Amino acid sequence: MMYERVIREAQSPGDRQAHLDVAVLRTRWRELSLTGAVMAAWEARFPELADTSAATA
């Protein structure tokens, strides 16, 4: 839940960097309860997340 909140509500890139671990985010990406629009925006910005999604789908 903390990752979902940080993704939705962080005020700056520094907030995200301080609270999100890249390896955990990649591992748990498909388990997060985010809207399709939020997931699409993040996957467009971070293609490695989209690759992770396709691999686990």
N, C-alpha and C. Protein backbone atom coordinates (compact mmCIF):
# COMPACT_ATOMS: atom_id res chain seq x y z
N MET A 1 0.81 -1.19 0.00
CA MET A 1 0.00 0.00 0.00
C MET A 1 0.86 1.26 0.00
N MET A 2 1.99 1.20 0.67
CA MET A 2 2.86 2.36 0.72
C MET A 2 3.35 2.72 -0.68
N TYR A 3 3.70 1.73 -1.48
CA TYR A 3 4.17 2.00 -2.84
C TYR A 3 3.06 2.65 -3.67
N GLU A 4 1.86 2.17 -3.53
CA GLU A 4 0.73 2.76 -4.25
C GLU A 4 0.56 4.23 -3.87
N ARG A 5 0.64 4.51 -2.59
CA ARG A 5 0.47 5.88 -2.11
C ARG A 5 1.59 6.78 -2.62
N VAL A 6 2.82 6.32 -2.55
CA VAL A 6 3.95 7.13 -3.02
C VAL A 6 3.82 7.40 -4.52
N ILE A 7 3.46 6.39 -5.29
CA ILE A 7 3.31 6.56 -6.74
C ILE A 7 2.22 7.60 -7.03
N ARG A 8 1.13 7.54 -6.31
CA ARG A 8 0.01 8.46 -6.56
C ARG A 8 0.24 9.86 -5.99
N GLU A 9 0.93 9.96 -4.84
CA GLU A 9 0.91 11.22 -4.11
C GLU A 9 2.25 11.92 -3.92
N ALA A 10 3.34 11.31 -4.34
CA ALA A 10 4.64 11.95 -4.14
C ALA A 10 4.66 13.32 -4.80
N GLN A 11 5.26 14.28 -4.13
CA GLN A 11 5.30 15.64 -4.62
C GLN A 11 6.50 15.95 -5.50
N SER A 12 7.53 15.09 -5.43
CA SER A 12 8.74 15.35 -6.21
C SER A 12 9.44 14.04 -6.53
N PRO A 13 10.34 14.07 -7.52
CA PRO A 13 11.15 12.88 -7.79
C PRO A 13 11.95 12.44 -6.56
N GLY A 14 12.38 13.39 -5.76
CA GLY A 14 13.12 13.04 -4.54
C GLY A 14 12.30 12.23 -3.57
N ASP A 15 11.00 12.55 -3.49
CA ASP A 15 10.10 11.76 -2.63
C ASP A 15 10.05 10.32 -3.11
N ARG A 16 9.91 10.15 -4.42
CA ARG A 16 9.85 8.79 -4.97
C ARG A 16 11.17 8.06 -4.75
N GLN A 17 12.27 8.73 -4.97
CA GLN A 17 13.58 8.10 -4.78
C GLN A 17 13.81 7.71 -3.32
N ALA A 18 13.30 8.51 -2.41
CA ALA A 18 13.49 8.24 -0.99
C ALA A 18 12.66 7.06 -0.51
N HIS A 19 11.54 6.79 -1.16
CA HIS A 19 10.60 5.80 -0.63
C HIS A 19 10.40 4.55 -1.48
N LEU A 20 10.86 4.56 -2.73
CA LEU A 20 10.66 3.41 -3.60
C LEU A 20 11.98 2.72 -3.90
N ASP A 21 12.01 1.42 -3.77
CA ASP A 21 13.17 0.61 -4.13
C ASP A 21 12.89 0.02 -5.51
N VAL A 22 13.79 0.27 -6.45
CA VAL A 22 13.59 -0.14 -7.84
C VAL A 22 13.35 -1.64 -7.95
N ALA A 23 14.15 -2.43 -7.28
CA ALA A 23 14.02 -3.89 -7.38
C ALA A 23 12.66 -4.36 -6.85
N VAL A 24 12.22 -3.79 -5.74
CA VAL A 24 10.92 -4.16 -5.18
C VAL A 24 9.80 -3.71 -6.11
N LEU A 25 9.92 -2.50 -6.65
CA LEU A 25 8.90 -2.00 -7.56
C LEU A 25 8.76 -2.89 -8.78
N ARG A 26 9.87 -3.31 -9.35
CA ARG A 26 9.81 -4.20 -10.52
C ARG A 26 9.16 -5.53 -10.16
N THR A 27 9.50 -6.07 -9.00
CA THR A 27 8.98 -7.36 -8.58
C THR A 27 7.48 -7.32 -8.29
N ARG A 28 7.03 -6.23 -7.71
CA ARG A 28 5.64 -6.13 -7.24
C ARG A 28 4.74 -5.30 -8.15
N TRP A 29 5.25 -4.82 -9.27
CA TRP A 29 4.52 -3.89 -10.13
C TRP A 29 3.11 -4.36 -10.46
N ARG A 30 2.95 -5.60 -10.88
CA ARG A 30 1.64 -6.11 -11.28
C ARG A 30 0.68 -6.32 -10.10
N GLU A 31 1.20 -6.31 -8.90
CA GLU A 31 0.36 -6.52 -7.72
C GLU A 31 -0.22 -5.22 -7.17
N LEU A 32 0.27 -4.08 -7.65
CA LEU A 32 -0.19 -2.80 -7.13
C LEU A 32 -1.59 -2.48 -7.65
N SER A 33 -2.38 -1.86 -6.82
CA SER A 33 -3.73 -1.43 -7.20
C SER A 33 -3.67 0.02 -7.68
N LEU A 34 -3.34 0.16 -8.96
CA LEU A 34 -3.26 1.47 -9.58
C LEU A 34 -4.19 1.49 -10.78
N THR A 35 -4.67 2.66 -11.13
CA THR A 35 -5.52 2.75 -12.31
C THR A 35 -4.72 2.44 -13.56
N GLY A 36 -5.43 2.06 -14.60
CA GLY A 36 -4.76 1.77 -15.87
C GLY A 36 -3.99 2.97 -16.39
N ALA A 37 -4.55 4.17 -16.18
CA ALA A 37 -3.88 5.39 -16.65
C ALA A 37 -2.57 5.63 -15.90
N VAL A 38 -2.57 5.38 -14.60
CA VAL A 38 -1.35 5.56 -13.80
C VAL A 38 -0.31 4.53 -14.23
N MET A 39 -0.73 3.28 -14.36
CA MET A 39 0.22 2.24 -14.79
C MET A 39 0.79 2.55 -16.18
N ALA A 40 -0.07 2.97 -17.09
CA ALA A 40 0.39 3.30 -18.44
C ALA A 40 1.39 4.45 -18.42
N ALA A 41 1.12 5.46 -17.61
CA ALA A 41 2.03 6.61 -17.53
C ALA A 41 3.38 6.18 -16.97
N TRP A 42 3.38 5.37 -15.93
CA TRP A 42 4.64 4.91 -15.35
C TRP A 42 5.38 3.98 -16.32
N GLU A 43 4.65 3.10 -16.99
CA GLU A 43 5.29 2.20 -17.95
C GLU A 43 5.85 2.96 -19.15
N ALA A 44 5.20 4.05 -19.55
CA ALA A 44 5.74 4.87 -20.63
C ALA A 44 7.03 5.55 -20.19
N ARG A 45 7.09 5.98 -18.95
CA ARG A 45 8.28 6.66 -18.42
C ARG A 45 9.38 5.67 -18.05
N PHE A 46 8.98 4.49 -17.59
CA PHE A 46 9.92 3.45 -17.15
C PHE A 46 9.60 2.15 -17.89
N PRO A 47 10.10 2.00 -19.12
CA PRO A 47 9.76 0.82 -19.94
C PRO A 47 10.08 -0.52 -19.28
N GLU A 48 11.02 -0.54 -18.38
CA GLU A 48 11.34 -1.79 -17.70
C GLU A 48 10.16 -2.32 -16.90
N LEU A 49 9.27 -1.45 -16.46
CA LEU A 49 8.06 -1.91 -15.76
C LEU A 49 7.11 -2.59 -16.74
N ALA A 50 6.97 -2.05 -17.93
CA ALA A 50 6.13 -2.68 -18.94
C ALA A 50 6.68 -4.04 -19.31
N ASP A 51 7.99 -4.14 -19.43
CA ASP A 51 8.63 -5.43 -19.73
C ASP A 51 8.34 -6.44 -18.64
N THR A 52 8.37 -6.00 -17.39
CA THR A 52 8.05 -6.87 -16.26
C THR A 52 6.60 -7.31 -16.33
N SER A 53 5.71 -6.38 -16.69
CA SER A 53 4.30 -6.72 -16.78
C SER A 53 4.04 -7.77 -17.84
N ALA A 54 4.66 -7.62 -18.98
CA ALA A 54 4.47 -8.57 -20.07
C ALA A 54 5.02 -9.94 -19.71
N ALA A 55 6.12 -9.96 -18.98
CA ALA A 55 6.75 -11.23 -18.61
C ALA A 55 5.92 -12.01 -17.60
N THR A 56 5.15 -11.31 -16.76
CA THR A 56 4.37 -12.00 -15.74
C THR A 56 2.93 -12.19 -16.14
N ALA A 57 2.51 -11.62 -17.24
CA ALA A 57 1.11 -11.74 -17.66
C ALA A 57 0.82 -13.09 -18.29
